[in-house]
Amino acid sequence: MFGDVRLQGKILMEMATFLGDSYVKPVSIALVIQDLGGTEETFSNVLAKTSQLVNMNDISQYTLADFKAFYQKLEPEVFDGVNDVIIVKILNGLSIMYIDDLYPIAKNITLTYQLDNKIPGI
């Protein structure tokens, strides 16, 4: 019944869309990583290394470019050439669901991204 993983991915994407998935309030970080071609290991690595980065460093001045470079170095095969909005989505999801201390940085990066791209606040 669920032999086709691609169909499962489409089902989950449809559900996320229905639930209001956006880069500001992502429904599932795992779904974002899967859509990029990542695996469970990728997800675990992103979560663990981001948590470690937040807890062991002063990231208050980190920019979108800093996080993008961090993820590209962490998982180059998944994050090479990834769009900025995906990084913003991952940061917001991690900050909402897993890493409370990332929240103010993620919100600042989101606001900066919106201003730089002239996107009205959501």
PDB file of N, CA and C in Angstrom:
ATOM      1  N   MET A   1       0.812  -1.201   0.000  1.00  0.00           N
ATOM      2  CA  MET A   1       0.000   0.000   0.000  1.00  0.00           C
ATOM      3  C   MET A   1       0.859   1.269   0.000  1.00  0.00           C
ATOM      4  N   PHE A   2       1.888   1.317   0.858  1.00  0.00           N
ATOM      5  CA  PHE A   2       2.746   2.498   0.913  1.00  0.00           C
ATOM      6  C   PHE A   2       4.124   2.217   0.346  1.00  0.00           C
ATOM      7  N   GLY A   3       4.188   1.432  -0.718  1.00  0.00           N
ATOM      8  CA  GLY A   3       5.456   1.050  -1.302  1.00  0.00           C
ATOM      9  C   GLY A   3       6.155   2.183  -2.026  1.00  0.00           C
ATOM     10  N   ASP A   4       5.416   3.140  -2.532  1.00  0.00           N
ATOM     11  CA  ASP A   4       6.003   4.227  -3.299  1.00  0.00           C
ATOM     12  C   ASP A   4       6.315   5.402  -2.377  1.00  0.00           C
ATOM     13  N   VAL A   5       7.577   5.559  -2.046  1.00  0.00           N
ATOM     14  CA  VAL A   5       8.014   6.615  -1.121  1.00  0.00           C
ATOM     15  C   VAL A   5       7.724   7.999  -1.704  1.00  0.00           C
ATOM     16  N   ARG A   6       7.827   8.142  -3.009  1.00  0.00           N
ATOM     17  CA  ARG A   6       7.554   9.446  -3.631  1.00  0.00           C
ATOM     18  C   ARG A   6       6.103   9.858  -3.411  1.00  0.00           C
ATOM     19  N   LEU A   7       5.203   8.883  -3.496  1.00  0.00           N
ATOM     20  CA  LEU A   7       3.794   9.180  -3.250  1.00  0.00           C
ATOM     21  C   LEU A   7       3.585   9.582  -1.793  1.00  0.00           C
ATOM     22  N   GLN A   8       4.255   8.919  -0.889  1.00  0.00           N
ATOM     23  CA  GLN A   8       4.170   9.287   0.530  1.00  0.00           C
ATOM     24  C   GLN A   8       4.632  10.723   0.736  1.00  0.00           C
ATOM     25  N   GLY A   9       5.719  11.086   0.060  1.00  0.00           N
ATOM     26  CA  GLY A   9       6.218  12.458   0.142  1.00  0.00           C
ATOM     27  C   GLY A   9       5.200  13.464  -0.358  1.00  0.00           C
ATOM     28  N   LYS A  10       4.540  13.145  -1.461  1.00  0.00           N
ATOM     29  CA  LYS A  10       3.505  14.042  -1.995  1.00  0.00           C
ATOM     30  C   LYS A  10       2.325  14.161  -1.034  1.00  0.00           C
ATOM     31  N   ILE A  11       1.946  13.042  -0.427  1.00  0.00           N
ATOM     32  CA  ILE A  11       0.859  13.061   0.550  1.00  0.00           C
ATOM     33  C   ILE A  11       1.214  14.003   1.700  1.00  0.00           C
ATOM     34  N   LEU A  12       2.421  13.858   2.216  1.00  0.00           N
ATOM     35  CA  LEU A  12       2.851  14.704   3.336  1.00  0.00           C
ATOM     36  C   LEU A  12       2.941  16.172   2.936  1.00  0.00           C
ATOM     37  N   MET A  13       3.409  16.440   1.720  1.00  0.00           N
ATOM     38  CA  MET A  13       3.478  17.833   1.234  1.00  0.00           C
ATOM     39  C   MET A  13       2.084  18.442   1.143  1.00  0.00           C
ATOM     40  N   GLU A  14       1.128  17.670   0.642  1.00  0.00           N
ATOM     41  CA  GLU A  14      -0.246  18.157   0.554  1.00  0.00           C
ATOM     42  C   GLU A  14      -0.804  18.459   1.946  1.00  0.00           C
ATOM     43  N   MET A  15      -0.516  17.584   2.890  1.00  0.00           N
ATOM     44  CA  MET A  15      -0.991  17.794   4.257  1.00  0.00           C
ATOM     45  C   MET A  15      -0.345  19.041   4.865  1.00  0.00           C
ATOM     46  N   ALA A  16       0.937  19.214   4.643  1.00  0.00           N
ATOM     47  CA  ALA A  16       1.638  20.387   5.169  1.00  0.00           C
ATOM     48  C   ALA A  16       1.063  21.669   4.559  1.00  0.00           C
ATOM     49  N   THR A  17       0.799  21.648   3.265  1.00  0.00           N
ATOM     50  CA  THR A  17       0.206  22.811   2.599  1.00  0.00           C
ATOM     51  C   THR A  17      -1.158  23.129   3.202  1.00  0.00           C
ATOM     52  N   PHE A  18      -1.958  22.095   3.401  1.00  0.00           N
ATOM     53  CA  PHE A  18      -3.278  22.266   3.998  1.00  0.00           C
ATOM     54  C   PHE A  18      -3.175  22.878   5.402  1.00  0.00           C
ATOM     55  N   LEU A  19      -2.145  22.501   6.145  1.00  0.00           N
ATOM     56  CA  LEU A  19      -1.953  23.006   7.502  1.00  0.00           C
ATOM     57  C   LEU A  19      -1.320  24.397   7.550  1.00  0.00           C
ATOM     58  N   GLY A  20      -1.007  24.972   6.383  1.00  0.00           N
ATOM     59  CA  GLY A  20      -0.487  26.329   6.338  1.00  0.00           C
ATOM     60  C   GLY A  20       1.027  26.437   6.383  1.00  0.00           C
ATOM     61  N   ASP A  21       1.708  25.418   5.890  1.00  0.00           N
ATOM     62  CA  ASP A  21       3.169  25.417   5.866  1.00  0.00           C
ATOM     63  C   ASP A  21       3.699  26.669   5.177  1.00  0.00           C
ATOM     64  N   SER A  22       4.675  27.316   5.800  1.00  0.00           N
ATOM     65  CA  SER A  22       5.323  28.478   5.197  1.00  0.00           C
ATOM     66  C   SER A  22       6.748  28.568   5.728  1.00  0.00           C
ATOM     67  N   TYR A  23       7.525  29.469   5.171  1.00  0.00           N
ATOM     68  CA  TYR A  23       8.901  29.615   5.661  1.00  0.00           C
ATOM     69  C   TYR A  23       8.920  30.255   7.043  1.00  0.00           C
ATOM     70  N   VAL A  24       7.854  30.942   7.407  1.00  0.00           N
ATOM     71  CA  VAL A  24       7.772  31.575   8.716  1.00  0.00           C
ATOM     72  C   VAL A  24       7.322  30.576   9.777  1.00  0.00           C
ATOM     73  N   LYS A  25       6.375  29.711   9.410  1.00  0.00           N
ATOM     74  CA  LYS A  25       5.849  28.699  10.337  1.00  0.00           C
ATOM     75  C   LYS A  25       5.799  27.344   9.636  1.00  0.00           C
ATOM     76  N   PRO A  26       6.962  26.707   9.518  1.00  0.00           N
ATOM     77  CA  PRO A  26       6.981  25.408   8.847  1.00  0.00           C
ATOM     78  C   PRO A  26       6.258  24.339   9.662  1.00  0.00           C
ATOM     79  N   VAL A  27       5.608  23.433   8.958  1.00  0.00           N
ATOM     80  CA  VAL A  27       4.884  22.346   9.603  1.00  0.00           C
ATOM     81  C   VAL A  27       5.834  21.224   9.997  1.00  0.00           C
ATOM     82  N   SER A  28       6.851  20.960   9.161  1.00  0.00           N
ATOM     83  CA  SER A  28       7.756  19.838   9.425  1.00  0.00           C
ATOM     84  C   SER A  28       9.141  20.101   8.852  1.00  0.00           C
ATOM     85  N   ILE A  29      10.136  20.124   9.714  1.00  0.00           N
ATOM     86  CA  ILE A  29      11.522  20.254   9.261  1.00  0.00           C
ATOM     87  C   ILE A  29      11.962  18.975   8.572  1.00  0.00           C
ATOM     88  N   ALA A  30      11.521  17.845   9.071  1.00  0.00           N
ATOM     89  CA  ALA A  30      11.865  16.562   8.447  1.00  0.00           C
ATOM     90  C   ALA A  30      11.392  16.527   7.006  1.00  0.00           C
ATOM     91  N   LEU A  31      10.225  17.081   6.746  1.00  0.00           N
ATOM     92  CA  LEU A  31       9.694  17.119   5.383  1.00  0.00           C
ATOM     93  C   LEU A  31      10.543  18.021   4.484  1.00  0.00           C
ATOM     94  N   VAL A  32      11.011  19.134   5.023  1.00  0.00           N
ATOM     95  CA  VAL A  32      11.891  20.036   4.260  1.00  0.00           C
ATOM     96  C   VAL A  32      13.183  19.313   3.896  1.00  0.00           C
ATOM     97  N   ILE A  33      13.761  18.641   4.867  1.00  0.00           N
ATOM     98  CA  ILE A  33      15.019  17.932   4.628  1.00  0.00           C
ATOM     99  C   ILE A  33      14.827  16.786   3.651  1.00  0.00           C
ATOM    100  N   GLN A  34      13.715  16.073   3.778  1.00  0.00           N
ATOM    101  CA  GLN A  34      13.429  15.002   2.821  1.00  0.00           C
ATOM    102  C   GLN A  34      13.268  15.560   1.414  1.00  0.00           C
ATOM    103  N   ASP A  35      12.594  16.699   1.292  1.00  0.00           N
ATOM    104  CA  ASP A  35      12.391  17.320  -0.018  1.00  0.00           C
ATOM    105  C   ASP A  35      13.720  17.741  -0.651  1.00  0.00           C
ATOM    106  N   LEU A  36      14.713  18.045   0.178  1.00  0.00           N
ATOM    107  CA  LEU A  36      16.043  18.393  -0.313  1.00  0.00           C
ATOM    108  C   LEU A  36      16.867  17.159  -0.699  1.00  0.00           C
ATOM    109  N   GLY A  37      16.343  15.978  -0.368  1.00  0.00           N
ATOM    110  CA  GLY A  37      17.064  14.750  -0.660  1.00  0.00           C
ATOM    111  C   GLY A  37      17.805  14.206   0.542  1.00  0.00           C
ATOM    112  N   GLY A  38      17.549  14.782   1.708  1.00  0.00           N
ATOM    113  CA  GLY A  38      18.198  14.325   2.927  1.00  0.00           C
ATOM    114  C   GLY A  38      17.533  13.086   3.495  1.00  0.00           C
ATOM    115  N   THR A  39      18.173  12.542   4.502  1.00  0.00           N
ATOM    116  CA  THR A  39      17.717  11.313   5.147  1.00  0.00           C
ATOM    117  C   THR A  39      17.462  11.572   6.636  1.00  0.00           C
ATOM    118  N   GLU A  40      17.082  10.521   7.341  1.00  0.00           N
ATOM    119  CA  GLU A  40      16.924  10.598   8.791  1.00  0.00           C
ATOM    120  C   GLU A  40      18.245  11.020   9.435  1.00  0.00           C
ATOM    121  N   GLU A  41      19.341  10.507   8.894  1.00  0.00           N
ATOM    122  CA  GLU A  41      20.663  10.877   9.395  1.00  0.00           C
ATOM    123  C   GLU A  41      20.930  12.366   9.176  1.00  0.00           C
ATOM    124  N   THR A  42      20.542  12.885   8.022  1.00  0.00           N
ATOM    125  CA  THR A  42      20.695  14.317   7.743  1.00  0.00           C
ATOM    126  C   THR A  42      19.923  15.137   8.768  1.00  0.00           C
ATOM    127  N   PHE A  43      18.668  14.742   8.992  1.00  0.00           N
ATOM    128  CA  PHE A  43      17.828  15.444   9.963  1.00  0.00           C
ATOM    129  C   PHE A  43      18.478  15.446  11.349  1.00  0.00           C
ATOM    130  N   SER A  44      18.920  14.283  11.793  1.00  0.00           N
ATOM    131  CA  SER A  44      19.558  14.172  13.115  1.00  0.00           C
ATOM    132  C   SER A  44      20.816  15.021  13.199  1.00  0.00           C
ATOM    133  N   ASN A  45      21.602  15.025  12.144  1.00  0.00           N
ATOM    134  CA  ASN A  45      22.831  15.805  12.100  1.00  0.00           C
ATOM    135  C   ASN A  45      22.527  17.305  12.157  1.00  0.00           C
ATOM    136  N   VAL A  46      21.555  17.747  11.381  1.00  0.00           N
ATOM    137  CA  VAL A  46      21.174  19.167  11.371  1.00  0.00           C
ATOM    138  C   VAL A  46      20.687  19.585  12.754  1.00  0.00           C
ATOM    139  N   LEU A  47      19.838  18.783  13.362  1.00  0.00           N
ATOM    140  CA  LEU A  47      19.310  19.108  14.689  1.00  0.00           C
ATOM    141  C   LEU A  47      20.428  19.141  15.738  1.00  0.00           C
ATOM    142  N   ALA A  48      21.242  18.105  15.778  1.00  0.00           N
ATOM    143  CA  ALA A  48      22.304  18.017  16.788  1.00  0.00           C
ATOM    144  C   ALA A  48      23.350  19.112  16.615  1.00  0.00           C
ATOM    145  N   LYS A  49      23.805  19.325  15.390  1.00  0.00           N
ATOM    146  CA  LYS A  49      24.872  20.306  15.162  1.00  0.00           C
ATOM    147  C   LYS A  49      24.372  21.737  15.336  1.00  0.00           C
ATOM    148  N   THR A  50      23.122  21.996  14.974  1.00  0.00           N
ATOM    149  CA  THR A  50      22.570  23.339  15.186  1.00  0.00           C
ATOM    150  C   THR A  50      22.418  23.600  16.673  1.00  0.00           C
ATOM    151  N   SER A  51      21.929  22.617  17.400  1.00  0.00           N
ATOM    152  CA  SER A  51      21.795  22.753  18.851  1.00  0.00           C
ATOM    153  C   SER A  51      23.157  23.007  19.496  1.00  0.00           C
ATOM    154  N   GLN A  52      24.148  22.253  19.057  1.00  0.00           N
ATOM    155  CA  GLN A  52      25.501  22.429  19.571  1.00  0.00           C
ATOM    156  C   GLN A  52      26.026  23.823  19.238  1.00  0.00           C
ATOM    157  N   LEU A  53      25.798  24.295  18.026  1.00  0.00           N
ATOM    158  CA  LEU A  53      26.239  25.625  17.608  1.00  0.00           C
ATOM    159  C   LEU A  53      25.614  26.699  18.498  1.00  0.00           C
ATOM    160  N   VAL A  54      24.315  26.581  18.726  1.00  0.00           N
ATOM    161  CA  VAL A  54      23.591  27.570  19.529  1.00  0.00           C
ATOM    162  C   VAL A  54      24.065  27.566  20.978  1.00  0.00           C
ATOM    163  N   ASN A  55      24.285  26.383  21.529  1.00  0.00           N
ATOM    164  CA  ASN A  55      24.632  26.272  22.944  1.00  0.00           C
ATOM    165  C   ASN A  55      26.098  26.547  23.255  1.00  0.00           C
ATOM    166  N   MET A  56      26.970  26.456  22.258  1.00  0.00           N
ATOM    167  CA  MET A  56      28.398  26.603  22.527  1.00  0.00           C
ATOM    168  C   MET A  56      29.015  27.873  21.940  1.00  0.00           C
ATOM    169  N   ASN A  57      28.209  28.688  21.250  1.00  0.00           N
ATOM    170  CA  ASN A  57      28.736  29.877  20.585  1.00  0.00           C
ATOM    171  C   ASN A  57      27.783  31.050  20.774  1.00  0.00           C
ATOM    172  N   ASP A  58      28.324  32.249  20.617  1.00  0.00           N
ATOM    173  CA  ASP A  58      27.485  33.439  20.571  1.00  0.00           C
ATOM    174  C   ASP A  58      27.072  33.635  19.112  1.00  0.00           C
ATOM    175  N   ILE A  59      25.847  33.271  18.809  1.00  0.00           N
ATOM    176  CA  ILE A  59      25.382  33.376  17.419  1.00  0.00           C
ATOM    177  C   ILE A  59      24.466  34.591  17.215  1.00  0.00           C
ATOM    178  N   SER A  60      24.464  35.484  18.170  1.00  0.00           N
ATOM    179  CA  SER A  60      23.561  36.637  18.105  1.00  0.00           C
ATOM    180  C   SER A  60      23.788  37.494  16.860  1.00  0.00           C
ATOM    181  N   GLN A  61      24.976  37.451  16.307  1.00  0.00           N
ATOM    182  CA  GLN A  61      25.274  38.250  15.119  1.00  0.00           C
ATOM    183  C   GLN A  61      25.292  37.408  13.829  1.00  0.00           C
ATOM    184  N   TYR A  62      24.920  36.152  13.930  1.00  0.00           N
ATOM    185  CA  TYR A  62      24.903  35.284  12.748  1.00  0.00           C
ATOM    186  C   TYR A  62      23.880  35.797  11.735  1.00  0.00           C
ATOM    187  N   THR A  63      24.245  35.691  10.479  1.00  0.00           N
ATOM    188  CA  THR A  63      23.373  36.116   9.401  1.00  0.00           C
ATOM    189  C   THR A  63      22.858  34.880   8.649  1.00  0.00           C
ATOM    190  N   LEU A  64      21.980  35.130   7.722  1.00  0.00           N
ATOM    191  CA  LEU A  64      21.482  34.056   6.863  1.00  0.00           C
ATOM    192  C   LEU A  64      22.639  33.391   6.127  1.00  0.00           C
ATOM    193  N   ALA A  65      23.573  34.188   5.652  1.00  0.00           N
ATOM    194  CA  ALA A  65      24.744  33.650   4.945  1.00  0.00           C
ATOM    195  C   ALA A  65      25.593  32.756   5.857  1.00  0.00           C
ATOM    196  N   ASP A  66      25.701  33.124   7.130  1.00  0.00           N
ATOM    197  CA  ASP A  66      26.461  32.303   8.085  1.00  0.00           C
ATOM    198  C   ASP A  66      25.818  30.928   8.258  1.00  0.00           C
ATOM    199  N   PHE A  67      24.505  30.909   8.433  1.00  0.00           N
ATOM    200  CA  PHE A  67      23.808  29.635   8.597  1.00  0.00           C
ATOM    201  C   PHE A  67      23.830  28.820   7.313  1.00  0.00           C
ATOM    202  N   LYS A  68      23.699  29.498   6.199  1.00  0.00           N
ATOM    203  CA  LYS A  68      23.748  28.796   4.912  1.00  0.00           C
ATOM    204  C   LYS A  68      25.101  28.108   4.741  1.00  0.00           C
ATOM    205  N   ALA A  69      26.164  28.818   5.046  1.00  0.00           N
ATOM    206  CA  ALA A  69      27.515  28.238   4.958  1.00  0.00           C
ATOM    207  C   ALA A  69      27.678  27.097   5.958  1.00  0.00           C
ATOM    208  N   PHE A  70      27.122  27.255   7.154  1.00  0.00           N
ATOM    209  CA  PHE A  70      27.189  26.212   8.178  1.00  0.00           C
ATOM    210  C   PHE A  70      26.532  24.922   7.675  1.00  0.00           C
ATOM    211  N   TYR A  71      25.332  25.033   7.114  1.00  0.00           N
ATOM    212  CA  TYR A  71      24.630  23.840   6.628  1.00  0.00           C
ATOM    213  C   TYR A  71      25.291  23.248   5.384  1.00  0.00           C
ATOM    214  N   GLN A  72      25.827  24.098   4.522  1.00  0.00           N
ATOM    215  CA  GLN A  72      26.516  23.585   3.337  1.00  0.00           C
ATOM    216  C   GLN A  72      27.771  22.818   3.720  1.00  0.00           C
ATOM    217  N   LYS A  73      28.449  23.275   4.753  1.00  0.00           N
ATOM    218  CA  LYS A  73      29.637  22.555   5.225  1.00  0.00           C
ATOM    219  C   LYS A  73      29.239  21.268   5.943  1.00  0.00           C
ATOM    220  N   LEU A  74      28.144  21.332   6.682  1.00  0.00           N
ATOM    221  CA  LEU A  74      27.667  20.197   7.459  1.00  0.00           C
ATOM    222  C   LEU A  74      27.194  19.045   6.564  1.00  0.00           C
ATOM    223  N   GLU A  75      26.413  19.360   5.541  1.00  0.00           N
ATOM    224  CA  GLU A  75      25.828  18.358   4.634  1.00  0.00           C
ATOM    225  C   GLU A  75      25.877  18.905   3.201  1.00  0.00           C
ATOM    226  N   PRO A  76      27.069  18.941   2.592  1.00  0.00           N
ATOM    227  CA  PRO A  76      27.199  19.575   1.270  1.00  0.00           C
ATOM    228  C   PRO A  76      26.313  18.954   0.194  1.00  0.00           C
ATOM    229  N   GLU A  77      26.141  17.644   0.232  1.00  0.00           N
ATOM    230  CA  GLU A  77      25.341  16.999  -0.813  1.00  0.00           C
ATOM    231  C   GLU A  77      23.865  17.365  -0.720  1.00  0.00           C
ATOM    232  N   VAL A  78      23.408  17.805   0.431  1.00  0.00           N
ATOM    233  CA  VAL A  78      22.007  18.185   0.616  1.00  0.00           C
ATOM    234  C   VAL A  78      21.822  19.695   0.457  1.00  0.00           C
ATOM    235  N   PHE A  79      22.737  20.480   0.996  1.00  0.00           N
ATOM    236  CA  PHE A  79      22.547  21.926   1.068  1.00  0.00           C
ATOM    237  C   PHE A  79      23.294  22.731   0.010  1.00  0.00           C
ATOM    238  N   ASP A  80      24.053  22.089  -0.847  1.00  0.00           N
ATOM    239  CA  ASP A  80      24.770  22.823  -1.890  1.00  0.00           C
ATOM    240  C   ASP A  80      23.761  23.466  -2.845  1.00  0.00           C
ATOM    241  N   GLY A  81      23.826  24.776  -2.960  1.00  0.00           N
ATOM    242  CA  GLY A  81      22.947  25.498  -3.876  1.00  0.00           C
ATOM    243  C   GLY A  81      21.532  25.698  -3.365  1.00  0.00           C
ATOM    244  N   VAL A  82      21.298  25.431  -2.092  1.00  0.00           N
ATOM    245  CA  VAL A  82      19.944  25.565  -1.547  1.00  0.00           C
ATOM    246  C   VAL A  82      19.542  27.037  -1.501  1.00  0.00           C
ATOM    247  N   ASN A  83      18.277  27.275  -1.717  1.00  0.00           N
ATOM    248  CA  ASN A  83      17.704  28.607  -1.726  1.00  0.00           C
ATOM    249  C   ASN A  83      17.690  29.192  -0.307  1.00  0.00           C
ATOM    250  N   ASP A  84      17.875  30.499  -0.185  1.00  0.00           N
ATOM    251  CA  ASP A  84      17.882  31.176   1.116  1.00  0.00           C
ATOM    252  C   ASP A  84      16.593  30.932   1.899  1.00  0.00           C
ATOM    253  N   VAL A  85      15.469  30.913   1.220  1.00  0.00           N
ATOM    254  CA  VAL A  85      14.188  30.744   1.909  1.00  0.00           C
ATOM    255  C   VAL A  85      14.110  29.383   2.609  1.00  0.00           C
ATOM    256  N   ILE A  86      14.788  28.388   2.082  1.00  0.00           N
ATOM    257  CA  ILE A  86      14.813  27.068   2.725  1.00  0.00           C
ATOM    258  C   ILE A  86      15.599  27.139   4.034  1.00  0.00           C
ATOM    259  N   ILE A  87      16.688  27.881   4.042  1.00  0.00           N
ATOM    260  CA  ILE A  87      17.471  28.048   5.273  1.00  0.00           C
ATOM    261  C   ILE A  87      16.634  28.773   6.322  1.00  0.00           C
ATOM    262  N   VAL A  88      15.914  29.815   5.907  1.00  0.00           N
ATOM    263  CA  VAL A  88      15.033  30.540   6.825  1.00  0.00           C
ATOM    264  C   VAL A  88      13.966  29.592   7.378  1.00  0.00           C
ATOM    265  N   LYS A  89      13.413  28.764   6.516  1.00  0.00           N
ATOM    266  CA  LYS A  89      12.378  27.808   6.936  1.00  0.00           C
ATOM    267  C   LYS A  89      12.935  26.815   7.954  1.00  0.00           C
ATOM    268  N   ILE A  90      14.125  26.319   7.712  1.00  0.00           N
ATOM    269  CA  ILE A  90      14.756  25.374   8.649  1.00  0.00           C
ATOM    270  C   ILE A  90      15.029  26.046   9.987  1.00  0.00           C
ATOM    271  N   LEU A  91      15.569  27.254   9.962  1.00  0.00           N
ATOM    272  CA  LEU A  91      15.843  27.966  11.212  1.00  0.00           C
ATOM    273  C   LEU A  91      14.562  28.204  12.004  1.00  0.00           C
ATOM    274  N   ASN A  92      13.506  28.626  11.323  1.00  0.00           N
ATOM    275  CA  ASN A  92      12.240  28.853  12.018  1.00  0.00           C
ATOM    276  C   ASN A  92      11.682  27.563  12.587  1.00  0.00           C
ATOM    277  N   GLY A  93      11.737  26.497  11.822  1.00  0.00           N
ATOM    278  CA  GLY A  93      11.228  25.218  12.307  1.00  0.00           C
ATOM    279  C   GLY A  93      12.006  24.702  13.494  1.00  0.00           C
ATOM    280  N   LEU A  94      13.314  24.773  13.403  1.00  0.00           N
ATOM    281  CA  LEU A  94      14.142  24.322  14.526  1.00  0.00           C
ATOM    282  C   LEU A  94      13.871  25.161  15.774  1.00  0.00           C
ATOM    283  N   SER A  95      13.707  26.460  15.572  1.00  0.00           N
ATOM    284  CA  SER A  95      13.502  27.340  16.727  1.00  0.00           C
ATOM    285  C   SER A  95      12.122  27.141  17.353  1.00  0.00           C
ATOM    286  N   ILE A  96      11.129  26.822  16.558  1.00  0.00           N
ATOM    287  CA  ILE A  96       9.768  26.632  17.071  1.00  0.00           C
ATOM    288  C   ILE A  96       9.619  25.258  17.725  1.00  0.00           C
ATOM    289  N   MET A  97      10.215  24.236  17.115  1.00  0.00           N
ATOM    290  CA  MET A  97       9.963  22.861  17.552  1.00  0.00           C
ATOM    291  C   MET A  97      11.028  22.270  18.464  1.00  0.00           C
ATOM    292  N   TYR A  98      12.275  22.714  18.339  1.00  0.00           N
ATOM    293  CA  TYR A  98      13.360  21.998  19.014  1.00  0.00           C
ATOM    294  C   TYR A  98      14.324  22.856  19.830  1.00  0.00           C
ATOM    295  N   ILE A  99      14.710  24.034  19.335  1.00  0.00           N
ATOM    296  CA  ILE A  99      15.805  24.793  19.961  1.00  0.00           C
ATOM    297  C   ILE A  99      15.298  26.188  20.336  1.00  0.00           C
ATOM    298  N   ASP A 100      14.777  26.313  21.539  1.00  0.00           N
ATOM    299  CA  ASP A 100      14.189  27.579  21.987  1.00  0.00           C
ATOM    300  C   ASP A 100      15.152  28.758  21.880  1.00  0.00           C
ATOM    301  N   ASP A 101      16.418  28.540  22.198  1.00  0.00           N
ATOM    302  CA  ASP A 101      17.398  29.635  22.180  1.00  0.00           C
ATOM    303  C   ASP A 101      17.685  30.159  20.773  1.00  0.00           C
ATOM    304  N   LEU A 102      17.273  29.433  19.767  1.00  0.00           N
ATOM    305  CA  LEU A 102      17.468  29.869  18.385  1.00  0.00           C
ATOM    306  C   LEU A 102      16.371  30.840  17.940  1.00  0.00           C
ATOM    307  N   TYR A 103      15.276  30.863  18.672  1.00  0.00           N
ATOM    308  CA  TYR A 103      14.101  31.638  18.266  1.00  0.00           C
ATOM    309  C   TYR A 103      14.391  33.111  17.949  1.00  0.00           C
ATOM    310  N   PRO A 104      15.026  33.884  18.837  1.00  0.00           N
ATOM    311  CA  PRO A 104      15.241  35.300  18.508  1.00  0.00           C
ATOM    312  C   PRO A 104      16.135  35.504  17.284  1.00  0.00           C
ATOM    313  N   ILE A 105      17.099  34.665  17.101  1.00  0.00           N
ATOM    314  CA  ILE A 105      17.986  34.773  15.936  1.00  0.00           C
ATOM    315  C   ILE A 105      17.214  34.431  14.665  1.00  0.00           C
ATOM    316  N   ALA A 106      16.414  33.379  14.725  1.00  0.00           N
ATOM    317  CA  ALA A 106      15.616  32.969  13.562  1.00  0.00           C
ATOM    318  C   ALA A 106      14.630  34.069  13.173  1.00  0.00           C
ATOM    319  N   LYS A 107      14.001  34.678  14.155  1.00  0.00           N
ATOM    320  CA  LYS A 107      13.033  35.743  13.861  1.00  0.00           C
ATOM    321  C   LYS A 107      13.728  36.962  13.272  1.00  0.00           C
ATOM    322  N   ASN A 108      14.910  37.296  13.776  1.00  0.00           N
ATOM    323  CA  ASN A 108      15.662  38.421  13.229  1.00  0.00           C
ATOM    324  C   ASN A 108      16.085  38.136  11.788  1.00  0.00           C
ATOM    325  N   ILE A 109      16.544  36.934  11.528  1.00  0.00           N
ATOM    326  CA  ILE A 109      16.944  36.562  10.165  1.00  0.00           C
ATOM    327  C   ILE A 109      15.731  36.571   9.234  1.00  0.00           C
ATOM    328  N   THR A 110      14.588  36.122   9.728  1.00  0.00           N
ATOM    329  CA  THR A 110      13.362  36.140   8.924  1.00  0.00           C
ATOM    330  C   THR A 110      12.977  37.566   8.570  1.00  0.00           C
ATOM    331  N   LEU A 111      13.001  38.449   9.548  1.00  0.00           N
ATOM    332  CA  LEU A 111      12.657  39.855   9.307  1.00  0.00           C
ATOM    333  C   LEU A 111      13.626  40.482   8.312  1.00  0.00           C
ATOM    334  N   THR A 112      14.916  40.237   8.490  1.00  0.00           N
ATOM    335  CA  THR A 112      15.922  40.763   7.566  1.00  0.00           C
ATOM    336  C   THR A 112      15.691  40.233   6.159  1.00  0.00           C
ATOM    337  N   TYR A 113      15.396  38.935   6.057  1.00  0.00           N
ATOM    338  CA  TYR A 113      15.115  38.318   4.750  1.00  0.00           C
ATOM    339  C   TYR A 113      13.905  38.991   4.093  1.00  0.00           C
ATOM    340  N   GLN A 114      12.853  39.217   4.869  1.00  0.00           N
ATOM    341  CA  GLN A 114      11.653  39.856   4.327  1.00  0.00           C
ATOM    342  C   GLN A 114      11.943  41.277   3.864  1.00  0.00           C
ATOM    343  N   LEU A 115      12.702  42.017   4.665  1.00  0.00           N
ATOM    344  CA  LEU A 115      13.031  43.402   4.296  1.00  0.00           C
ATOM    345  C   LEU A 115      13.931  43.446   3.056  1.00  0.00           C
ATOM    346  N   ASP A 116      14.954  42.580   3.032  1.00  0.00           N
ATOM    347  CA  ASP A 116      15.865  42.556   1.896  1.00  0.00           C
ATOM    348  C   ASP A 116      15.177  42.164   0.588  1.00  0.00           C
ATOM    349  N   ASN A 117      14.147  41.338   0.693  1.00  0.00           N
ATOM    350  CA  ASN A 117      13.439  40.864  -0.502  1.00  0.00           C
ATOM    351  C   ASN A 117      12.090  41.548  -0.703  1.00  0.00           C
ATOM    352  N   LYS A 118      11.856  42.590   0.103  1.00  0.00           N
ATOM    353  CA  LYS A 118      10.628  43.369   0.018  1.00  0.00           C
ATOM    354  C   LYS A 118       9.374  42.497   0.079  1.00  0.00           C
ATOM    355  N   ILE A 119       9.401  41.543   1.012  1.00  0.00           N
ATOM    356  CA  ILE A 119       8.263  40.643   1.220  1.00  0.00           C
ATOM    357  C   ILE A 119       7.462  41.192   2.399  1.00  0.00           C
ATOM    358  N   PRO A 120       6.172  41.388   2.210  1.00  0.00           N
ATOM    359  CA  PRO A 120       5.373  41.874   3.338  1.00  0.00           C
ATOM    360  C   PRO A 120       5.371  40.835   4.469  1.00  0.00           C
ATOM    361  N   GLY A 121       5.355  41.304   5.706  1.00  0.00           N
ATOM    362  CA  GLY A 121       5.322  40.402   6.865  1.00  0.00           C
ATOM    363  C   GLY A 121       4.095  39.507   6.816  1.00  0.00           C
ATOM    364  N   ILE A 122       4.275  38.299   7.304  1.00  0.00           N
ATOM    365  CA  ILE A 122       3.155  37.337   7.287  1.00  0.00           C
ATOM    366  C   ILE A 122       2.665  37.153   8.703  1.00  0.00           C
TER     367      ILE A 122
END
